[in-house]
Amino acid sequence: MILHDGDAEVTPENLKTLVDAAGVEVPGYWPGIFAKGVEGKIDDFICSVGGGGGGGGGGDAAAADAGAADAAPEKKEKPKEEEIDFSGGVNMFGG
């Protein structure tokens, strides 16, 4: 996008120069792959907004929660455990 905004051609050489100027290290094949991927369609690449997938499928989880609440079994009370009083002056060191 920087090259396009500066009216420079998006070529592997220009991308390599830009990456080097930014102080970033990338494998040598990436500038060529990216330049080939946007070749002749950089305007479409930059100007296309949205269109992403995802976000769907969230409704099923809410429906499942509602169904689970209806089918939830009754909670059983736990029997109370006897509490032991350790304040009688006895500790693990015999004191």
C-alpha atoms as a PDB file:
ATOM      1  CA  MET A   1       0.000   0.000   0.000  1.00  0.00           C
ATOM      2  CA  ILE A   2       2.914   2.334   0.674  1.00  0.00           C
ATOM      3  CA  LEU A   3       4.304   1.736  -2.789  1.00  0.00           C
ATOM      4  CA  HIS A   4       0.903   2.245  -4.377  1.00  0.00           C
ATOM      5  CA  ASP A   5       0.280   5.467  -2.434  1.00  0.00           C
ATOM      6  CA  GLY A   6       3.707   6.745  -3.537  1.00  0.00           C
ATOM      7  CA  ASP A   7       2.867   5.975  -7.179  1.00  0.00           C
ATOM      8  CA  ALA A   8       5.614   3.345  -7.247  1.00  0.00           C
ATOM      9  CA  GLU A   9       5.181   0.056  -9.010  1.00  0.00           C
ATOM     10  CA  VAL A  10       4.658  -2.983  -6.758  1.00  0.00           C
ATOM     11  CA  THR A  11       7.621  -5.125  -7.761  1.00  0.00           C
ATOM     12  CA  PRO A  12       9.726  -7.593  -5.778  1.00  0.00           C
ATOM     13  CA  GLU A  13      12.667  -5.170  -5.924  1.00  0.00           C
ATOM     14  CA  ASN A  14      10.632  -2.223  -4.609  1.00  0.00           C
ATOM     15  CA  LEU A  15       9.115  -4.379  -1.880  1.00  0.00           C
ATOM     16  CA  LYS A  16      12.574  -5.609  -0.842  1.00  0.00           C
ATOM     17  CA  THR A  17      13.821  -1.996  -0.681  1.00  0.00           C
ATOM     18  CA  LEU A  18      10.817  -0.995   1.425  1.00  0.00           C
ATOM     19  CA  VAL A  19      11.211  -3.954   3.800  1.00  0.00           C
ATOM     20  CA  ASP A  20      14.936  -3.240   4.215  1.00  0.00           C
ATOM     21  CA  ALA A  21      14.232   0.451   4.908  1.00  0.00           C
ATOM     22  CA  ALA A  22      11.732  -0.585   7.590  1.00  0.00           C
ATOM     23  CA  GLY A  23      14.399  -2.711   9.249  1.00  0.00           C
ATOM     24  CA  VAL A  24      12.325  -5.868   8.963  1.00  0.00           C
ATOM     25  CA  GLU A  25      13.723  -9.254   8.024  1.00  0.00           C
ATOM     26  CA  VAL A  26      11.632 -11.473   5.774  1.00  0.00           C
ATOM     27  CA  PRO A  27      12.646 -14.484   3.708  1.00  0.00           C
ATOM     28  CA  GLY A  28      13.758 -13.457   0.227  1.00  0.00           C
ATOM     29  CA  TYR A  29      10.868 -15.166  -1.538  1.00  0.00           C
ATOM     30  CA  TRP A  30       8.062 -13.158   0.140  1.00  0.00           C
ATOM     31  CA  PRO A  31       8.401  -9.917  -1.869  1.00  0.00           C
ATOM     32  CA  GLY A  32       8.109 -11.907  -5.113  1.00  0.00           C
ATOM     33  CA  ILE A  33       5.108 -13.878  -3.874  1.00  0.00           C
ATOM     34  CA  PHE A  34       3.304 -10.745  -2.686  1.00  0.00           C
ATOM     35  CA  ALA A  35       4.078  -8.780  -5.863  1.00  0.00           C
ATOM     36  CA  LYS A  36       2.816 -11.660  -7.993  1.00  0.00           C
ATOM     37  CA  GLY A  37      -0.328 -11.962  -5.829  1.00  0.00           C
ATOM     38  CA  VAL A  38      -1.361  -8.318  -6.258  1.00  0.00           C
ATOM     39  CA  GLU A  39      -0.087  -7.931  -9.822  1.00  0.00           C
ATOM     40  CA  GLY A  40      -2.568  -5.850 -11.814  1.00  0.00           C
ATOM     41  CA  LYS A  41      -5.157  -5.841  -9.032  1.00  0.00           C
ATOM     42  CA  ILE A  42      -3.657  -3.689  -6.281  1.00  0.00           C
ATOM     43  CA  ASP A  43      -6.546  -1.201  -6.578  1.00  0.00           C
ATOM     44  CA  ASP A  44      -9.076  -4.003  -6.073  1.00  0.00           C
ATOM     45  CA  PHE A  45      -7.032  -5.324  -3.162  1.00  0.00           C
ATOM     46  CA  ILE A  46      -6.942  -1.946  -1.415  1.00  0.00           C
ATOM     47  CA  CYS A  47     -10.467  -0.778  -2.226  1.00  0.00           C
ATOM     48  CA  SER A  48     -12.372  -3.944  -1.376  1.00  0.00           C
ATOM     49  CA  VAL A  49     -13.849  -3.728   2.082  1.00  0.00           C
ATOM     50  CA  GLY A  50     -15.503  -6.391   4.157  1.00  0.00           C
ATOM     51  CA  GLY A  51     -16.684  -9.574   2.623  1.00  0.00           C
ATOM     52  CA  GLY A  52     -15.059 -11.654   5.329  1.00  0.00           C
ATOM     53  CA  GLY A  53     -16.677 -14.801   6.571  1.00  0.00           C
ATOM     54  CA  GLY A  54     -16.964 -15.936  10.115  1.00  0.00           C
ATOM     55  CA  GLY A  55     -19.397 -14.522  12.585  1.00  0.00           C
ATOM     56  CA  GLY A  56     -22.043 -17.081  11.731  1.00  0.00           C
ATOM     57  CA  GLY A  57     -23.083 -19.974  13.861  1.00  0.00           C
ATOM     58  CA  GLY A  58     -23.407 -18.088  17.124  1.00  0.00           C
ATOM     59  CA  GLY A  59     -27.147 -18.658  17.323  1.00  0.00           C
ATOM     60  CA  ASP A  60     -26.869 -22.371  17.942  1.00  0.00           C
ATOM     61  CA  ALA A  61     -24.960 -21.895  21.184  1.00  0.00           C
ATOM     62  CA  ALA A  62     -27.694 -19.687  22.629  1.00  0.00           C
ATOM     63  CA  ALA A  63     -30.350 -22.188  21.621  1.00  0.00           C
ATOM     64  CA  ALA A  64     -28.354 -24.991  23.192  1.00  0.00           C
ATOM     65  CA  ASP A  65     -28.082 -23.072  26.459  1.00  0.00           C
ATOM     66  CA  ALA A  66     -31.828 -22.513  26.541  1.00  0.00           C
ATOM     67  CA  GLY A  67     -32.460 -26.208  25.904  1.00  0.00           C
ATOM     68  CA  ALA A  68     -29.981 -27.201  28.571  1.00  0.00           C
ATOM     69  CA  ALA A  69     -31.711 -24.996  31.134  1.00  0.00           C
ATOM     70  CA  ASP A  70     -35.024 -26.717  30.450  1.00  0.00           C
ATOM     71  CA  ALA A  71     -33.526 -30.191  30.730  1.00  0.00           C
ATOM     72  CA  ALA A  72     -31.286 -29.478  33.729  1.00  0.00           C
ATOM     73  CA  PRO A  73     -31.780 -32.042  36.496  1.00  0.00           C
ATOM     74  CA  GLU A  74     -32.573 -30.944  39.989  1.00  0.00           C
ATOM     75  CA  LYS A  75     -29.578 -30.189  42.151  1.00  0.00           C
ATOM     76  CA  LYS A  76     -29.045 -32.529  45.051  1.00  0.00           C
ATOM     77  CA  GLU A  77     -27.971 -31.074  48.337  1.00  0.00           C
ATOM     78  CA  LYS A  78     -24.610 -32.232  49.572  1.00  0.00           C
ATOM     79  CA  PRO A  79     -24.595 -33.714  53.045  1.00  0.00           C
ATOM     80  CA  LYS A  80     -22.959 -31.348  55.468  1.00  0.00           C
ATOM     81  CA  GLU A  81     -19.507 -32.416  56.505  1.00  0.00           C
ATOM     82  CA  GLU A  82     -18.605 -32.352  60.153  1.00  0.00           C
ATOM     83  CA  GLU A  83     -16.376 -29.428  60.957  1.00  0.00           C
ATOM     84  CA  ILE A  84     -13.311 -30.141  63.044  1.00  0.00           C
ATOM     85  CA  ASP A  85     -12.174 -27.544  65.554  1.00  0.00           C
ATOM     86  CA  PHE A  86      -8.394 -27.195  65.456  1.00  0.00           C
ATOM     87  CA  SER A  87      -8.240 -24.306  67.895  1.00  0.00           C
ATOM     88  CA  GLY A  88      -7.662 -26.579  70.900  1.00  0.00           C
ATOM     89  CA  GLY A  89      -3.963 -25.789  71.023  1.00  0.00           C
ATOM     90  CA  VAL A  90      -2.798 -28.895  69.189  1.00  0.00           C
ATOM     91  CA  ASN A  91      -0.748 -28.361  66.089  1.00  0.00           C
ATOM     92  CA  MET A  92       1.241 -30.594  63.762  1.00  0.00           C
ATOM     93  CA  PHE A  93       4.400 -30.023  65.837  1.00  0.00           C
ATOM     94  CA  GLY A  94       2.812 -31.444  68.984  1.00  0.00           C
ATOM     95  CA  GLY A  95       2.389 -28.107  70.730  1.00  0.00           C
END
